[in-house]
Amino acid sequence: MRRVLHVGPCNTPGGMAKVIQILSKNPPEGWTAETWQSHKVGNPIVKYLHHKKMLKTVQKSYFH
């Protein structure tokens, strides 16, 4: 089964987040969809740690 990862402001109000939600809930037949919240509220260290954790997750899930 093929997979797609939608990266963007998934949990924020606005049009882009809504589009990502719609796409991730309705992937094409034979595909699975996941989201990656790219916007993180907080200081730069919190943001860095969030993205570092997500990159590790993506590497394990998609490039094993």
N, C-alpha and C. Protein backbone atom coordinates (compact mmCIF):
# COMPACT_ATOMS: atom_id res chain seq x y z
N MET A 1 0.83 -1.17 0.00
CA MET A 1 0.00 0.00 0.00
C MET A 1 0.88 1.24 0.00
N ARG A 2 0.55 2.20 -0.79
CA ARG A 2 1.32 3.44 -0.88
C ARG A 2 0.90 4.39 0.24
N ARG A 3 1.84 5.26 0.62
CA ARG A 3 1.56 6.21 1.70
C ARG A 3 1.92 7.62 1.26
N VAL A 4 1.21 8.57 1.85
CA VAL A 4 1.50 9.98 1.61
C VAL A 4 1.54 10.68 2.96
N LEU A 5 2.45 11.63 3.09
CA LEU A 5 2.59 12.41 4.31
C LEU A 5 2.28 13.86 3.98
N HIS A 6 1.25 14.41 4.61
CA HIS A 6 0.87 15.81 4.43
C HIS A 6 1.56 16.62 5.52
N VAL A 7 2.39 17.57 5.14
CA VAL A 7 3.12 18.40 6.08
C VAL A 7 2.56 19.81 6.03
N GLY A 8 2.19 20.35 7.19
CA GLY A 8 1.66 21.70 7.22
C GLY A 8 1.04 22.02 8.56
N PRO A 9 0.34 23.15 8.62
CA PRO A 9 -0.29 23.59 9.87
C PRO A 9 -1.61 22.85 10.10
N CYS A 10 -1.52 21.60 10.48
CA CYS A 10 -2.70 20.72 10.56
C CYS A 10 -3.70 21.10 11.65
N ASN A 11 -3.23 21.61 12.76
CA ASN A 11 -4.11 21.87 13.91
C ASN A 11 -4.33 23.35 14.16
N THR A 12 -4.25 24.15 13.13
CA THR A 12 -4.47 25.58 13.27
C THR A 12 -5.72 25.97 12.49
N PRO A 13 -6.36 27.07 12.86
CA PRO A 13 -7.52 27.50 12.09
C PRO A 13 -7.08 28.05 10.73
N GLY A 14 -7.87 27.80 9.74
CA GLY A 14 -7.55 28.36 8.43
C GLY A 14 -7.73 27.36 7.31
N GLY A 15 -7.61 27.87 6.11
CA GLY A 15 -7.88 27.08 4.92
C GLY A 15 -6.89 25.97 4.66
N MET A 16 -5.61 26.22 4.86
CA MET A 16 -4.59 25.21 4.60
C MET A 16 -4.79 24.00 5.51
N ALA A 17 -5.06 24.24 6.78
CA ALA A 17 -5.29 23.15 7.72
C ALA A 17 -6.51 22.33 7.32
N LYS A 18 -7.55 23.01 6.87
CA LYS A 18 -8.77 22.31 6.46
C LYS A 18 -8.51 21.42 5.24
N VAL A 19 -7.74 21.92 4.29
CA VAL A 19 -7.40 21.13 3.11
C VAL A 19 -6.61 19.89 3.51
N ILE A 20 -5.64 20.05 4.40
CA ILE A 20 -4.84 18.91 4.86
C ILE A 20 -5.73 17.89 5.56
N GLN A 21 -6.66 18.36 6.39
CA GLN A 21 -7.58 17.45 7.07
C GLN A 21 -8.43 16.66 6.07
N ILE A 22 -8.96 17.35 5.08
CA ILE A 22 -9.80 16.70 4.07
C ILE A 22 -8.99 15.66 3.29
N LEU A 23 -7.78 16.04 2.87
CA LEU A 23 -6.95 15.11 2.10
C LEU A 23 -6.53 13.90 2.92
N SER A 24 -6.18 14.12 4.18
CA SER A 24 -5.72 12.99 5.00
C SER A 24 -6.86 12.05 5.38
N LYS A 25 -8.08 12.57 5.48
CA LYS A 25 -9.23 11.72 5.80
C LYS A 25 -9.78 10.99 4.58
N ASN A 26 -9.42 11.44 3.38
CA ASN A 26 -9.95 10.86 2.15
C ASN A 26 -8.83 10.55 1.15
N PRO A 27 -7.90 9.65 1.51
CA PRO A 27 -6.83 9.34 0.56
C PRO A 27 -7.37 8.56 -0.64
N PRO A 28 -6.67 8.59 -1.75
CA PRO A 28 -7.09 7.80 -2.91
C PRO A 28 -7.12 6.31 -2.56
N GLU A 29 -7.86 5.56 -3.33
CA GLU A 29 -7.96 4.12 -3.10
C GLU A 29 -6.57 3.49 -3.20
N GLY A 30 -6.24 2.66 -2.23
CA GLY A 30 -4.94 2.00 -2.21
C GLY A 30 -3.85 2.81 -1.54
N TRP A 31 -4.19 3.93 -0.95
CA TRP A 31 -3.23 4.80 -0.28
C TRP A 31 -3.63 4.99 1.18
N THR A 32 -2.63 5.25 2.02
CA THR A 32 -2.88 5.70 3.39
C THR A 32 -2.28 7.08 3.52
N ALA A 33 -2.85 7.88 4.39
CA ALA A 33 -2.38 9.26 4.56
C ALA A 33 -2.10 9.54 6.03
N GLU A 34 -1.05 10.30 6.26
CA GLU A 34 -0.69 10.75 7.59
C GLU A 34 -0.43 12.25 7.53
N THR A 35 -0.44 12.89 8.69
CA THR A 35 -0.16 14.33 8.74
C THR A 35 1.02 14.60 9.67
N TRP A 36 1.70 15.68 9.40
CA TRP A 36 2.80 16.15 10.23
C TRP A 36 2.56 17.62 10.51
N GLN A 37 2.32 17.94 11.77
CA GLN A 37 2.07 19.31 12.20
C GLN A 37 3.38 20.08 12.12
N SER A 38 3.47 21.01 11.17
CA SER A 38 4.72 21.75 10.98
C SER A 38 4.78 23.02 11.82
N HIS A 39 3.63 23.48 12.31
CA HIS A 39 3.61 24.70 13.13
C HIS A 39 3.56 24.30 14.59
N LYS A 40 4.49 24.81 15.37
CA LYS A 40 4.55 24.50 16.79
C LYS A 40 4.69 25.79 17.57
N VAL A 41 3.80 26.00 18.53
CA VAL A 41 3.87 27.19 19.38
C VAL A 41 4.89 26.92 20.47
N GLY A 42 5.75 27.89 20.71
CA GLY A 42 6.74 27.73 21.77
C GLY A 42 8.05 28.38 21.39
N ASN A 43 9.02 28.22 22.26
CA ASN A 43 10.33 28.81 22.01
C ASN A 43 11.08 27.98 20.96
N PRO A 44 12.17 28.50 20.45
CA PRO A 44 12.91 27.79 19.40
C PRO A 44 13.37 26.38 19.79
N ILE A 45 13.69 26.16 21.04
CA ILE A 45 14.14 24.83 21.47
C ILE A 45 13.00 23.83 21.37
N VAL A 46 11.81 24.23 21.81
CA VAL A 46 10.63 23.35 21.72
C VAL A 46 10.35 23.01 20.26
N LYS A 47 10.44 24.01 19.39
CA LYS A 47 10.20 23.79 17.96
C LYS A 47 11.24 22.85 17.36
N TYR A 48 12.49 23.06 17.72
CA TYR A 48 13.58 22.20 17.22
C TYR A 48 13.37 20.75 17.65
N LEU A 49 13.06 20.54 18.93
CA LEU A 49 12.87 19.18 19.44
C LEU A 49 11.67 18.51 18.78
N HIS A 50 10.61 19.27 18.52
CA HIS A 50 9.43 18.73 17.84
C HIS A 50 9.81 18.23 16.45
N HIS A 51 10.50 19.05 15.69
CA HIS A 51 10.86 18.67 14.32
C HIS A 51 11.89 17.53 14.30
N LYS A 52 12.80 17.53 15.25
CA LYS A 52 13.78 16.44 15.33
C LYS A 52 13.08 15.11 15.58
N LYS A 53 12.11 15.12 16.50
CA LYS A 53 11.35 13.91 16.80
C LYS A 53 10.56 13.45 15.58
N MET A 54 9.94 14.37 14.89
CA MET A 54 9.14 14.01 13.72
C MET A 54 10.02 13.48 12.59
N LEU A 55 11.20 14.05 12.40
CA LEU A 55 12.10 13.54 11.36
C LEU A 55 12.52 12.10 11.65
N LYS A 56 12.79 11.79 12.92
CA LYS A 56 13.13 10.41 13.28
C LYS A 56 11.96 9.48 12.98
N THR A 57 10.75 9.93 13.30
CA THR A 57 9.56 9.13 13.05
C THR A 57 9.37 8.88 11.56
N VAL A 58 9.55 9.91 10.76
CA VAL A 58 9.40 9.77 9.31
C VAL A 58 10.46 8.83 8.76
N GLN A 59 11.69 8.96 9.21
CA GLN A 59 12.75 8.08 8.73
C GLN A 59 12.46 6.62 9.05
N LYS A 60 11.95 6.35 10.25
CA LYS A 60 11.62 4.98 10.62
C LYS A 60 10.44 4.44 9.82
N SER A 61 9.45 5.29 9.60
CA SER A 61 8.22 4.84 8.94
C SER A 61 8.34 4.74 7.43
N TYR A 62 9.09 5.64 6.82
CA TYR A 62 9.09 5.73 5.36
C TYR A 62 10.37 5.23 4.71
N PHE A 63 11.48 5.24 5.43
CA PHE A 63 12.77 4.91 4.80
C PHE A 63 13.47 3.78 5.55
N HIS A 64 12.76 2.75 5.91
CA HIS A 64 13.37 1.65 6.65
C HIS A 64 13.99 0.63 5.75
